[in-house]
Amino acid sequence: MTTTTKPQQSKLTPLQSETVNPRPDEILQHITEFYEQYGYPVTQVWVAKKIGISKSSMTPYIKELLDANLILKTLAGQVYPNLKNEGVDNSIA
């Protein structure tokens, strides 16, 4: 007699499931909290200062979040959460 067990639901965010570095998730959390509180995009400098790194050190994490379609960036370089990213395929066919 074989028993089947349901796989456990992962409580990780989309990026944590792909990487062991929690920094992108921390950055996303600050971007989202700022946007929810103030209603407009946040500067990358503000986020970098908030988590204690330089803006240039944050660049690869911002790129990772952009590539994952979790954030969007204004022409001025400010960032905000992509609130419409669920189920959206932005790849070019």
PDB file of N, CA and C in Angstrom:
ATOM      1  N   MET A   1       0.841  -1.179   0.000  1.00  0.00           N
ATOM      2  CA  MET A   1       0.000   0.000   0.000  1.00  0.00           C
ATOM      3  C   MET A   1       0.886   1.242   0.000  1.00  0.00           C
ATOM      4  N   THR A   2       0.723   2.074  -0.991  1.00  0.00           N
ATOM      5  CA  THR A   2       1.493   3.311  -1.076  1.00  0.00           C
ATOM      6  C   THR A   2       0.633   4.483  -0.674  1.00  0.00           C
ATOM      7  N   THR A   3       1.251   5.376   0.028  1.00  0.00           N
ATOM      8  CA  THR A   3       0.547   6.597   0.409  1.00  0.00           C
ATOM      9  C   THR A   3       1.201   7.764  -0.294  1.00  0.00           C
ATOM     10  N   THR A   4       0.383   8.644  -0.716  1.00  0.00           N
ATOM     11  CA  THR A   4       0.914   9.843  -1.370  1.00  0.00           C
ATOM     12  C   THR A   4       0.737  11.020  -0.436  1.00  0.00           C
ATOM     13  N   THR A   5       1.729  11.832  -0.408  1.00  0.00           N
ATOM     14  CA  THR A   5       1.655  13.038   0.411  1.00  0.00           C
ATOM     15  C   THR A   5       1.692  14.245  -0.487  1.00  0.00           C
ATOM     16  N   LYS A   6       0.987  15.260  -0.069  1.00  0.00           N
ATOM     17  CA  LYS A   6       0.976  16.498  -0.834  1.00  0.00           C
ATOM     18  C   LYS A   6       2.297  17.217  -0.628  1.00  0.00           C
ATOM     19  N   PRO A   7       2.842  17.789  -1.685  1.00  0.00           N
ATOM     20  CA  PRO A   7       4.059  18.589  -1.497  1.00  0.00           C
ATOM     21  C   PRO A   7       3.730  19.812  -0.657  1.00  0.00           C
ATOM     22  N   GLN A   8       4.656  20.180   0.209  1.00  0.00           N
ATOM     23  CA  GLN A   8       4.441  21.348   1.049  1.00  0.00           C
ATOM     24  C   GLN A   8       4.484  22.611   0.211  1.00  0.00           C
ATOM     25  N   GLN A   9       3.589  23.540   0.547  1.00  0.00           N
ATOM     26  CA  GLN A   9       3.572  24.832  -0.125  1.00  0.00           C
ATOM     27  C   GLN A   9       4.788  25.630   0.321  1.00  0.00           C
ATOM     28  N   SER A  10       5.470  26.210  -0.601  1.00  0.00           N
ATOM     29  CA  SER A  10       6.618  27.039  -0.289  1.00  0.00           C
ATOM     30  C   SER A  10       6.148  28.409   0.171  1.00  0.00           C
ATOM     31  N   LYS A  11       6.766  28.916   1.225  1.00  0.00           N
ATOM     32  CA  LYS A  11       6.426  30.248   1.711  1.00  0.00           C
ATOM     33  C   LYS A  11       7.445  31.277   1.215  1.00  0.00           C
ATOM     34  N   LEU A  12       8.214  30.892   0.229  1.00  0.00           N
ATOM     35  CA  LEU A  12       9.223  31.795  -0.309  1.00  0.00           C
ATOM     36  C   LEU A  12       8.627  32.690  -1.372  1.00  0.00           C
ATOM     37  N   THR A  13       9.176  33.883  -1.494  1.00  0.00           N
ATOM     38  CA  THR A  13       8.761  34.783  -2.550  1.00  0.00           C
ATOM     39  C   THR A  13       9.335  34.262  -3.865  1.00  0.00           C
ATOM     40  N   PRO A  14       8.883  34.776  -4.990  1.00  0.00           N
ATOM     41  CA  PRO A  14       9.374  34.278  -6.282  1.00  0.00           C
ATOM     42  C   PRO A  14      10.893  34.315  -6.412  1.00  0.00           C
ATOM     43  N   LEU A  15      11.527  35.357  -5.889  1.00  0.00           N
ATOM     44  CA  LEU A  15      12.973  35.441  -6.034  1.00  0.00           C
ATOM     45  C   LEU A  15      13.701  34.531  -5.068  1.00  0.00           C
ATOM     46  N   GLN A  16      13.196  34.349  -3.856  1.00  0.00           N
ATOM     47  CA  GLN A  16      13.855  33.484  -2.895  1.00  0.00           C
ATOM     48  C   GLN A  16      13.871  32.043  -3.375  1.00  0.00           C
ATOM     49  N   SER A  17      12.865  31.647  -4.125  1.00  0.00           N
ATOM     50  CA  SER A  17      12.840  30.280  -4.601  1.00  0.00           C
ATOM     51  C   SER A  17      13.920  30.047  -5.659  1.00  0.00           C
ATOM     52  N   GLU A  18      14.401  31.103  -6.288  1.00  0.00           N
ATOM     53  CA  GLU A  18      15.418  30.975  -7.326  1.00  0.00           C
ATOM     54  C   GLU A  18      16.823  31.232  -6.807  1.00  0.00           C
ATOM     55  N   THR A  19      16.947  31.946  -5.710  1.00  0.00           N
ATOM     56  CA  THR A  19      18.252  32.323  -5.216  1.00  0.00           C
ATOM     57  C   THR A  19      18.278  32.239  -3.703  1.00  0.00           C
ATOM     58  N   VAL A  20      19.461  32.106  -3.140  1.00  0.00           N
ATOM     59  CA  VAL A  20      19.578  32.047  -1.685  1.00  0.00           C
ATOM     60  C   VAL A  20      19.849  33.417  -1.085  1.00  0.00           C
ATOM     61  N   ASN A  21      20.056  34.415  -1.916  1.00  0.00           N
ATOM     62  CA  ASN A  21      20.348  35.758  -1.437  1.00  0.00           C
ATOM     63  C   ASN A  21      19.047  36.486  -1.118  1.00  0.00           C
ATOM     64  N   PRO A  22      18.841  36.883   0.149  1.00  0.00           N
ATOM     65  CA  PRO A  22      17.601  37.559   0.512  1.00  0.00           C
ATOM     66  C   PRO A  22      17.574  39.041   0.135  1.00  0.00           C
ATOM     67  N   ARG A  23      18.683  39.597  -0.351  1.00  0.00           N
ATOM     68  CA  ARG A  23      18.765  41.030  -0.634  1.00  0.00           C
ATOM     69  C   ARG A  23      17.718  41.523  -1.631  1.00  0.00           C
ATOM     70  N   PRO A  24      17.477  40.837  -2.775  1.00  0.00           N
ATOM     71  CA  PRO A  24      16.441  41.328  -3.695  1.00  0.00           C
ATOM     72  C   PRO A  24      15.063  41.386  -3.048  1.00  0.00           C
ATOM     73  N   ASP A  25      14.768  40.427  -2.198  1.00  0.00           N
ATOM     74  CA  ASP A  25      13.469  40.428  -1.523  1.00  0.00           C
ATOM     75  C   ASP A  25      13.367  41.573  -0.529  1.00  0.00           C
ATOM     76  N   GLU A  26      14.466  41.881   0.134  1.00  0.00           N
ATOM     77  CA  GLU A  26      14.495  43.012   1.063  1.00  0.00           C
ATOM     78  C   GLU A  26      14.288  44.324   0.303  1.00  0.00           C
ATOM     79  N   ILE A  27      14.928  44.446  -0.838  1.00  0.00           N
ATOM     80  CA  ILE A  27      14.785  45.644  -1.672  1.00  0.00           C
ATOM     81  C   ILE A  27      13.343  45.767  -2.161  1.00  0.00           C
ATOM     82  N   LEU A  28      12.780  44.666  -2.643  1.00  0.00           N
ATOM     83  CA  LEU A  28      11.394  44.674  -3.112  1.00  0.00           C
ATOM     84  C   LEU A  28      10.441  45.071  -1.989  1.00  0.00           C
ATOM     85  N   GLN A  29      10.701  44.587  -0.796  1.00  0.00           N
ATOM     86  CA  GLN A  29       9.844  44.926   0.345  1.00  0.00           C
ATOM     87  C   GLN A  29       9.869  46.429   0.620  1.00  0.00           C
ATOM     88  N   HIS A  30      11.055  47.037   0.601  1.00  0.00           N
ATOM     89  CA  HIS A  30      11.164  48.476   0.849  1.00  0.00           C
ATOM     90  C   HIS A  30      10.504  49.286  -0.269  1.00  0.00           C
ATOM     91  N   ILE A  31      10.683  48.859  -1.507  1.00  0.00           N
ATOM     92  CA  ILE A  31      10.060  49.545  -2.640  1.00  0.00           C
ATOM     93  C   ILE A  31       8.536  49.492  -2.506  1.00  0.00           C
ATOM     94  N   THR A  32       8.013  48.322  -2.186  1.00  0.00           N
ATOM     95  CA  THR A  32       6.570  48.142  -2.058  1.00  0.00           C
ATOM     96  C   THR A  32       6.013  48.948  -0.892  1.00  0.00           C
ATOM     97  N   GLU A  33       6.682  48.891   0.250  1.00  0.00           N
ATOM     98  CA  GLU A  33       6.213  49.638   1.421  1.00  0.00           C
ATOM     99  C   GLU A  33       6.200  51.144   1.150  1.00  0.00           C
ATOM    100  N   PHE A  34       7.241  51.655   0.513  1.00  0.00           N
ATOM    101  CA  PHE A  34       7.299  53.079   0.194  1.00  0.00           C
ATOM    102  C   PHE A  34       6.157  53.458  -0.728  1.00  0.00           C
ATOM    103  N   TYR A  35       5.956  52.657  -1.774  1.00  0.00           N
ATOM    104  CA  TYR A  35       4.905  52.958  -2.756  1.00  0.00           C
ATOM    105  C   TYR A  35       3.520  52.918  -2.113  1.00  0.00           C
ATOM    106  N   GLU A  36       3.289  51.930  -1.249  1.00  0.00           N
ATOM    107  CA  GLU A  36       1.991  51.830  -0.580  1.00  0.00           C
ATOM    108  C   GLU A  36       1.761  53.002   0.378  1.00  0.00           C
ATOM    109  N   GLN A  37       2.822  53.452   1.029  1.00  0.00           N
ATOM    110  CA  GLN A  37       2.685  54.542   1.994  1.00  0.00           C
ATOM    111  C   GLN A  37       2.523  55.908   1.321  1.00  0.00           C
ATOM    112  N   TYR A  38       3.331  56.169   0.275  1.00  0.00           N
ATOM    113  CA  TYR A  38       3.357  57.502  -0.317  1.00  0.00           C
ATOM    114  C   TYR A  38       2.647  57.601  -1.665  1.00  0.00           C
ATOM    115  N   GLY A  39       2.485  56.475  -2.363  1.00  0.00           N
ATOM    116  CA  GLY A  39       1.744  56.483  -3.617  1.00  0.00           C
ATOM    117  C   GLY A  39       2.542  56.904  -4.835  1.00  0.00           C
ATOM    118  N   TYR A  40       3.849  56.981  -4.728  1.00  0.00           N
ATOM    119  CA  TYR A  40       4.668  57.308  -5.898  1.00  0.00           C
ATOM    120  C   TYR A  40       5.992  56.548  -5.823  1.00  0.00           C
ATOM    121  N   PRO A  41       6.715  56.441  -6.954  1.00  0.00           N
ATOM    122  CA  PRO A  41       7.958  55.676  -6.992  1.00  0.00           C
ATOM    123  C   PRO A  41       9.022  56.233  -6.048  1.00  0.00           C
ATOM    124  N   VAL A  42       9.902  55.360  -5.625  1.00  0.00           N
ATOM    125  CA  VAL A  42      10.983  55.712  -4.710  1.00  0.00           C
ATOM    126  C   VAL A  42      12.302  55.784  -5.487  1.00  0.00           C
ATOM    127  N   THR A  43      13.217  56.620  -5.014  1.00  0.00           N
ATOM    128  CA  THR A  43      14.532  56.679  -5.657  1.00  0.00           C
ATOM    129  C   THR A  43      15.359  55.475  -5.222  1.00  0.00           C
ATOM    130  N   GLN A  44      16.223  55.049  -6.109  1.00  0.00           N
ATOM    131  CA  GLN A  44      17.104  53.935  -5.787  1.00  0.00           C
ATOM    132  C   GLN A  44      18.076  54.317  -4.670  1.00  0.00           C
ATOM    133  N   VAL A  45      18.442  55.587  -4.595  1.00  0.00           N
ATOM    134  CA  VAL A  45      19.346  56.058  -3.546  1.00  0.00           C
ATOM    135  C   VAL A  45      18.695  55.882  -2.176  1.00  0.00           C
ATOM    136  N   TRP A  46      17.398  56.206  -2.073  1.00  0.00           N
ATOM    137  CA  TRP A  46      16.692  56.062  -0.799  1.00  0.00           C
ATOM    138  C   TRP A  46      16.687  54.608  -0.349  1.00  0.00           C
ATOM    139  N   VAL A  47      16.386  53.696  -1.277  1.00  0.00           N
ATOM    140  CA  VAL A  47      16.346  52.270  -0.950  1.00  0.00           C
ATOM    141  C   VAL A  47      17.733  51.791  -0.529  1.00  0.00           C
ATOM    142  N   ALA A  48      18.754  52.204  -1.252  1.00  0.00           N
ATOM    143  CA  ALA A  48      20.117  51.797  -0.924  1.00  0.00           C
ATOM    144  C   ALA A  48      20.496  52.252   0.482  1.00  0.00           C
ATOM    145  N   LYS A  49      20.185  53.505   0.815  1.00  0.00           N
ATOM    146  CA  LYS A  49      20.480  54.011   2.157  1.00  0.00           C
ATOM    147  C   LYS A  49      19.694  53.250   3.213  1.00  0.00           C
ATOM    148  N   LYS A  50      18.464  52.913   2.907  1.00  0.00           N
ATOM    149  CA  LYS A  50      17.591  52.208   3.851  1.00  0.00           C
ATOM    150  C   LYS A  50      18.165  50.844   4.225  1.00  0.00           C
ATOM    151  N   ILE A  51      18.757  50.143   3.268  1.00  0.00           N
ATOM    152  CA  ILE A  51      19.284  48.810   3.558  1.00  0.00           C
ATOM    153  C   ILE A  51      20.787  48.804   3.811  1.00  0.00           C
ATOM    154  N   GLY A  52      21.417  49.982   3.704  1.00  0.00           N
ATOM    155  CA  GLY A  52      22.820  50.101   4.078  1.00  0.00           C
ATOM    156  C   GLY A  52      23.835  49.676   3.034  1.00  0.00           C
ATOM    157  N   ILE A  53      23.491  49.862   1.762  1.00  0.00           N
ATOM    158  CA  ILE A  53      24.464  49.592   0.701  1.00  0.00           C
ATOM    159  C   ILE A  53      24.510  50.786  -0.237  1.00  0.00           C
ATOM    160  N   SER A  54      25.490  50.791  -1.125  1.00  0.00           N
ATOM    161  CA  SER A  54      25.585  51.885  -2.093  1.00  0.00           C
ATOM    162  C   SER A  54      24.617  51.630  -3.252  1.00  0.00           C
ATOM    163  N   LYS A  55      24.308  52.692  -3.977  1.00  0.00           N
ATOM    164  CA  LYS A  55      23.412  52.545  -5.132  1.00  0.00           C
ATOM    165  C   LYS A  55      24.036  51.625  -6.179  1.00  0.00           C
ATOM    166  N   SER A  56      25.342  51.739  -6.367  1.00  0.00           N
ATOM    167  CA  SER A  56      25.988  50.888  -7.373  1.00  0.00           C
ATOM    168  C   SER A  56      25.971  49.417  -6.952  1.00  0.00           C
ATOM    169  N   SER A  57      26.021  49.144  -5.643  1.00  0.00           N
ATOM    170  CA  SER A  57      25.926  47.758  -5.171  1.00  0.00           C
ATOM    171  C   SER A  57      24.526  47.199  -5.355  1.00  0.00           C
ATOM    172  N   MET A  58      23.554  48.077  -5.400  1.00  0.00           N
ATOM    173  CA  MET A  58      22.168  47.660  -5.533  1.00  0.00           C
ATOM    174  C   MET A  58      21.784  47.392  -6.992  1.00  0.00           C
ATOM    175  N   THR A  59      22.554  47.892  -7.937  1.00  0.00           N
ATOM    176  CA  THR A  59      22.228  47.787  -9.362  1.00  0.00           C
ATOM    177  C   THR A  59      21.917  46.370  -9.824  1.00  0.00           C
ATOM    178  N   PRO A  60      22.720  45.350  -9.479  1.00  0.00           N
ATOM    179  CA  PRO A  60      22.379  44.003  -9.960  1.00  0.00           C
ATOM    180  C   PRO A  60      21.056  43.478  -9.376  1.00  0.00           C
ATOM    181  N   TYR A  61      20.747  43.887  -8.161  1.00  0.00           N
ATOM    182  CA  TYR A  61      19.493  43.456  -7.546  1.00  0.00           C
ATOM    183  C   TYR A  61      18.300  44.119  -8.230  1.00  0.00           C
ATOM    184  N   ILE A  62      18.447  45.392  -8.569  1.00  0.00           N
ATOM    185  CA  ILE A  62      17.385  46.096  -9.296  1.00  0.00           C
ATOM    186  C   ILE A  62      17.181  45.434 -10.650  1.00  0.00           C
ATOM    187  N   LYS A  63      18.264  45.091 -11.322  1.00  0.00           N
ATOM    188  CA  LYS A  63      18.160  44.410 -12.624  1.00  0.00           C
ATOM    189  C   LYS A  63      17.442  43.073 -12.471  1.00  0.00           C
ATOM    190  N   GLU A  64      17.766  42.343 -11.416  1.00  0.00           N
ATOM    191  CA  GLU A  64      17.116  41.051 -11.171  1.00  0.00           C
ATOM    192  C   GLU A  64      15.611  41.227 -10.949  1.00  0.00           C
ATOM    193  N   LEU A  65      15.236  42.245 -10.184  1.00  0.00           N
ATOM    194  CA  LEU A  65      13.818  42.513  -9.932  1.00  0.00           C
ATOM    195  C   LEU A  65      13.100  42.972 -11.201  1.00  0.00           C
ATOM    196  N   LEU A  66      13.782  43.774 -12.017  1.00  0.00           N
ATOM    197  CA  LEU A  66      13.209  44.204 -13.299  1.00  0.00           C
ATOM    198  C   LEU A  66      13.030  43.016 -14.231  1.00  0.00           C
ATOM    199  N   ASP A  67      14.046  42.156 -14.314  1.00  0.00           N
ATOM    200  CA  ASP A  67      13.973  40.980 -15.184  1.00  0.00           C
ATOM    201  C   ASP A  67      12.864  40.018 -14.752  1.00  0.00           C
ATOM    202  N   ALA A  68      12.623  39.959 -13.446  1.00  0.00           N
ATOM    203  CA  ALA A  68      11.561  39.092 -12.920  1.00  0.00           C
ATOM    204  C   ALA A  68      10.190  39.758 -13.032  1.00  0.00           C
ATOM    205  N   ASN A  69      10.156  40.978 -13.555  1.00  0.00           N
ATOM    206  CA  ASN A  69       8.924  41.738 -13.753  1.00  0.00           C
ATOM    207  C   ASN A  69       8.206  42.032 -12.428  1.00  0.00           C
ATOM    208  N   LEU A  70       8.989  42.189 -11.357  1.00  0.00           N
ATOM    209  CA  LEU A  70       8.414  42.481 -10.051  1.00  0.00           C
ATOM    210  C   LEU A  70       8.384  43.977  -9.766  1.00  0.00           C
ATOM    211  N   ILE A  71       9.233  44.737 -10.455  1.00  0.00           N
ATOM    212  CA  ILE A  71       9.237  46.188 -10.319  1.00  0.00           C
ATOM    213  C   ILE A  71       9.296  46.822 -11.696  1.00  0.00           C
ATOM    214  N   LEU A  72       8.970  48.101 -11.737  1.00  0.00           N
ATOM    215  CA  LEU A  72       9.083  48.905 -12.952  1.00  0.00           C
ATOM    216  C   LEU A  72       9.953  50.102 -12.620  1.00  0.00           C
ATOM    217  N   LYS A  73      10.518  50.721 -13.647  1.00  0.00           N
ATOM    218  CA  LYS A  73      11.424  51.845 -13.452  1.00  0.00           C
ATOM    219  C   LYS A  73      10.961  53.017 -14.305  1.00  0.00           C
ATOM    220  N   THR A  74      10.964  54.210 -13.716  1.00  0.00           N
ATOM    221  CA  THR A  74      10.602  55.416 -14.462  1.00  0.00           C
ATOM    222  C   THR A  74      11.786  55.861 -15.305  1.00  0.00           C
ATOM    223  N   LEU A  75      11.569  56.801 -16.192  1.00  0.00           N
ATOM    224  CA  LEU A  75      12.666  57.344 -17.001  1.00  0.00           C
ATOM    225  C   LEU A  75      13.711  58.036 -16.134  1.00  0.00           C
ATOM    226  N   ALA A  76      13.282  58.561 -14.985  1.00  0.00           N
ATOM    227  CA  ALA A  76      14.202  59.229 -14.062  1.00  0.00           C
ATOM    228  C   ALA A  76      14.947  58.230 -13.180  1.00  0.00           C
ATOM    229  N   GLY A  77      14.646  56.944 -13.297  1.00  0.00           N
ATOM    230  CA  GLY A  77      15.358  55.928 -12.534  1.00  0.00           C
ATOM    231  C   GLY A  77      14.702  55.536 -11.226  1.00  0.00           C
ATOM    232  N   GLN A  78      13.543  56.129 -10.929  1.00  0.00           N
ATOM    233  CA  GLN A  78      12.824  55.728  -9.726  1.00  0.00           C
ATOM    234  C   GLN A  78      12.176  54.370  -9.971  1.00  0.00           C
ATOM    235  N   VAL A  79      11.931  53.640  -8.887  1.00  0.00           N
ATOM    236  CA  VAL A  79      11.369  52.295  -9.015  1.00  0.00           C
ATOM    237  C   VAL A  79      10.078  52.173  -8.208  1.00  0.00           C
ATOM    238  N   TYR A  80       9.208  51.283  -8.672  1.00  0.00           N
ATOM    239  CA  TYR A  80       7.953  51.025  -7.985  1.00  0.00           C
ATOM    240  C   TYR A  80       7.515  49.600  -8.292  1.00  0.00           C
ATOM    241  N   PRO A  81       6.685  49.017  -7.413  1.00  0.00           N
ATOM    242  CA  PRO A  81       6.279  47.624  -7.632  1.00  0.00           C
ATOM    243  C   PRO A  81       5.382  47.489  -8.850  1.00  0.00           C
ATOM    244  N   ASN A  82       5.540  46.397  -9.561  1.00  0.00           N
ATOM    245  CA  ASN A  82       4.668  46.109 -10.698  1.00  0.00           C
ATOM    246  C   ASN A  82       3.426  45.429 -10.144  1.00  0.00           C
ATOM    247  N   LEU A  83       2.376  46.188  -9.979  1.00  0.00           N
ATOM    248  CA  LEU A  83       1.160  45.668  -9.373  1.00  0.00           C
ATOM    249  C   LEU A  83       0.361  44.794 -10.329  1.00  0.00           C
ATOM    250  N   LYS A  84       0.740  44.778 -11.589  1.00  0.00           N
ATOM    251  CA  LYS A  84       0.014  43.979 -12.588  1.00  0.00           C
ATOM    252  C   LYS A  84       0.881  42.853 -13.123  1.00  0.00           C
ATOM    253  N   ASN A  85       1.821  42.343 -12.323  1.00  0.00           N
ATOM    254  CA  ASN A  85       2.749  41.339 -12.835  1.00  0.00           C
ATOM    255  C   ASN A  85       2.226  39.918 -12.773  1.00  0.00           C
ATOM    256  N   GLU A  86       1.086  39.672 -12.140  1.00  0.00           N
ATOM    257  CA  GLU A  86       0.580  38.306 -12.039  1.00  0.00           C
ATOM    258  C   GLU A  86       0.025  37.837 -13.372  1.00  0.00           C
ATOM    259  N   GLY A  87       0.572  36.746 -13.856  1.00  0.00           N
ATOM    260  CA  GLY A  87       0.062  36.128 -15.070  1.00  0.00           C
ATOM    261  C   GLY A  87       0.388  36.883 -16.337  1.00  0.00           C
ATOM    262  N   VAL A  88       1.305  37.830 -16.288  1.00  0.00           N
ATOM    263  CA  VAL A  88       1.640  38.623 -17.467  1.00  0.00           C
ATOM    264  C   VAL A  88       2.916  38.075 -18.081  1.00  0.00           C
ATOM    265  N   ASP A  89       2.874  37.809 -19.360  1.00  0.00           N
ATOM    266  CA  ASP A  89       4.059  37.371 -20.072  1.00  0.00           C
ATOM    267  C   ASP A  89       4.498  38.505 -20.974  1.00  0.00           C
ATOM    268  N   ASN A  90       5.583  39.168 -20.594  1.00  0.00           N
ATOM    269  CA  ASN A  90       6.070  40.314 -21.351  1.00  0.00           C
ATOM    270  C   ASN A  90       7.182  39.956 -22.325  1.00  0.00           C
ATOM    271  N   SER A  91       7.363  38.667 -22.554  1.00  0.00           N
ATOM    272  CA  SER A  91       8.412  38.267 -23.476  1.00  0.00           C
ATOM    273  C   SER A  91       7.989  38.570 -24.916  1.00  0.00           C
ATOM    274  N   ILE A  92       8.985  38.838 -25.730  1.00  0.00           N
ATOM    275  CA  ILE A  92       8.737  39.143 -27.136  1.00  0.00           C
ATOM    276  C   ILE A  92       8.777  37.825 -27.909  1.00  0.00           C
ATOM    277  N   ALA A  93       7.739  37.570 -28.652  1.00  0.00           N
ATOM    278  CA  ALA A  93       7.657  36.302 -29.390  1.00  0.00           C
ATOM    279  C   ALA A  93       8.453  36.382 -30.665  1.00  0.00           C
TER     280      ALA A  93
END
